[in-house]
C-alpha atoms as a PDB file:
ATOM      1  CA  UNK A   1    -142.062 -89.424 102.468  1.00  0.00           C
ATOM      2  CA  UNK A   2    -141.901 -92.442 100.245  1.00  0.00           C
ATOM      3  CA  UNK A   3    -139.982 -92.748  97.053  1.00  0.00           C
ATOM      4  CA  UNK A   4    -138.115 -89.191  97.687  1.00  0.00           C
ATOM      5  CA  UNK A   5    -134.816 -89.533  97.035  1.00  0.00           C
ATOM      6  CA  UNK A   6    -132.379 -89.890 100.201  1.00  0.00           C
ATOM      7  CA  UNK A   7    -129.486 -86.990 101.240  1.00  0.00           C
ATOM      8  CA  UNK A   8    -126.181 -88.308 100.699  1.00  0.00           C
ATOM      9  CA  UNK A   9    -124.153 -90.337 103.766  1.00  0.00           C
ATOM     10  CA  UNK A  10    -120.628 -90.723 104.319  1.00  0.00           C
ATOM     11  CA  UNK A  11    -118.757 -92.793 106.721  1.00  0.00           C
ATOM     12  CA  UNK A  12    -116.980 -89.742 107.261  1.00  0.00           C
ATOM     13  CA  UNK A  13    -120.083 -87.744 108.825  1.00  0.00           C
ATOM     14  CA  UNK A  14    -119.007 -89.416 112.240  1.00  0.00           C
ATOM     15  CA  UNK A  15    -115.720 -87.155 112.663  1.00  0.00           C
ATOM     16  CA  UNK A  16    -117.455 -83.985 111.796  1.00  0.00           C
ATOM     17  CA  UNK A  17    -118.244 -81.741 115.086  1.00  0.00           C
ATOM     18  CA  UNK A  18    -121.224 -80.755 115.589  1.00  0.00           C
ATOM     19  CA  UNK A  19    -120.263 -77.022 116.361  1.00  0.00           C
ATOM     20  CA  UNK A  20    -116.922 -75.416 115.888  1.00  0.00           C
ATOM     21  CA  UNK A  21    -115.605 -72.897 118.005  1.00  0.00           C
ATOM     22  CA  UNK A  22    -114.410 -70.067 115.511  1.00  0.00           C
ATOM     23  CA  UNK A  23    -112.955 -67.743 118.200  1.00  0.00           C
ATOM     24  CA  UNK A  24    -111.082 -71.082 119.593  1.00  0.00           C
ATOM     25  CA  UNK A  25    -109.872 -71.842 116.283  1.00  0.00           C
ATOM     26  CA  UNK A  26    -108.778 -68.254 115.666  1.00  0.00           C
ATOM     27  CA  UNK A  27    -106.761 -68.549 118.587  1.00  0.00           C
ATOM     28  CA  UNK A  28    -105.289 -71.771 117.876  1.00  0.00           C
ATOM     29  CA  UNK A  29    -104.237 -70.842 114.342  1.00  0.00           C
ATOM     30  CA  UNK A  30    -102.833 -67.448 115.893  1.00  0.00           C
ATOM     31  CA  UNK A  31    -100.582 -69.780 118.947  1.00  0.00           C
ATOM     32  CA  UNK A  32     -99.641 -72.703 116.987  1.00  0.00           C
ATOM     33  CA  UNK A  33     -98.933 -71.098 113.323  1.00  0.00           C
ATOM     34  CA  UNK A  34     -98.649 -67.749 113.283  1.00  0.00           C
ATOM     35  CA  UNK A  35    -101.672 -67.117 111.503  1.00  0.00           C
ATOM     36  CA  UNK A  36    -104.012 -64.319 111.923  1.00  0.00           C
ATOM     37  CA  UNK A  37    -107.759 -64.229 111.318  1.00  0.00           C
ATOM     38  CA  UNK A  38    -110.199 -61.124 111.337  1.00  0.00           C
ATOM     39  CA  UNK A  39    -112.699 -59.325 110.237  1.00  0.00           C
ATOM     40  CA  UNK A  40    -112.007 -55.973 109.372  1.00  0.00           C
ATOM     41  CA  UNK A  41    -115.545 -54.933 110.597  1.00  0.00           C
ATOM     42  CA  UNK A  42    -115.126 -56.764 114.368  1.00  0.00           C
ATOM     43  CA  UNK A  43    -116.269 -54.436 117.270  1.00  0.00           C
ATOM     44  CA  UNK A  44    -113.460 -55.402 119.193  1.00  0.00           C
ATOM     45  CA  UNK A  45    -111.260 -53.257 116.898  1.00  0.00           C
ATOM     46  CA  UNK A  46    -110.962 -49.515 116.953  1.00  0.00           C
ATOM     47  CA  UNK A  47    -110.761 -47.262 114.048  1.00  0.00           C
ATOM     48  CA  UNK A  48    -106.796 -47.150 113.687  1.00  0.00           C
ATOM     49  CA  UNK A  49    -106.972 -51.360 113.940  1.00  0.00           C
ATOM     50  CA  UNK A  50    -109.731 -51.450 110.988  1.00  0.00           C
ATOM     51  CA  UNK A  51    -107.610 -49.300 108.707  1.00  0.00           C
ATOM     52  CA  UNK A  52    -104.237 -50.969 109.597  1.00  0.00           C
ATOM     53  CA  UNK A  53    -105.908 -54.293 108.493  1.00  0.00           C
ATOM     54  CA  UNK A  54    -107.487 -52.656 105.594  1.00  0.00           C
ATOM     55  CA  UNK A  55    -104.214 -51.331 104.599  1.00  0.00           C
ATOM     56  CA  UNK A  56    -102.158 -54.241 105.513  1.00  0.00           C
ATOM     57  CA  UNK A  57    -105.057 -56.685 103.156  1.00  0.00           C
ATOM     58  CA  UNK A  58    -104.882 -54.271 100.116  1.00  0.00           C
ATOM     59  CA  UNK A  59    -100.784 -54.561 100.177  1.00  0.00           C
ATOM     60  CA  UNK A  60    -100.460 -58.154 100.403  1.00  0.00           C
ATOM     61  CA  UNK A  61    -103.555 -58.882  98.177  1.00  0.00           C
ATOM     62  CA  UNK A  62    -104.953 -56.094  96.030  1.00  0.00           C
ATOM     63  CA  UNK A  63    -107.749 -53.656  96.409  1.00  0.00           C
ATOM     64  CA  UNK A  64    -111.008 -54.813  97.475  1.00  0.00           C
ATOM     65  CA  UNK A  65    -113.220 -55.416  94.820  1.00  0.00           C
ATOM     66  CA  UNK A  66    -116.140 -52.312  94.853  1.00  0.00           C
ATOM     67  CA  UNK A  67    -120.061 -53.690  95.638  1.00  0.00           C
ATOM     68  CA  UNK A  68    -122.181 -51.778  93.687  1.00  0.00           C
ATOM     69  CA  UNK A  69    -125.484 -50.883  95.251  1.00  0.00           C
ATOM     70  CA  UNK A  70    -128.816 -50.594  93.635  1.00  0.00           C
ATOM     71  CA  UNK A  71    -130.539 -47.321  94.363  1.00  0.00           C
ATOM     72  CA  UNK A  72    -134.508 -47.668  93.663  1.00  0.00           C
END
């Protein structure tokens, strides 16, 4: 479209990878830095593991905010 604003460009954009393998980044974080990133609803976890994660997160970061659900 003629006269339309152009999207911003950055010379650093060439260094941004096209796709990030999230699982590999999590693995690298754990192996290199001892940082664990896990979603509480990860299907690979059983009920006991999910409860343990919820307990640890609450202990370290406080209770999770309750999301209100609108009805009808």
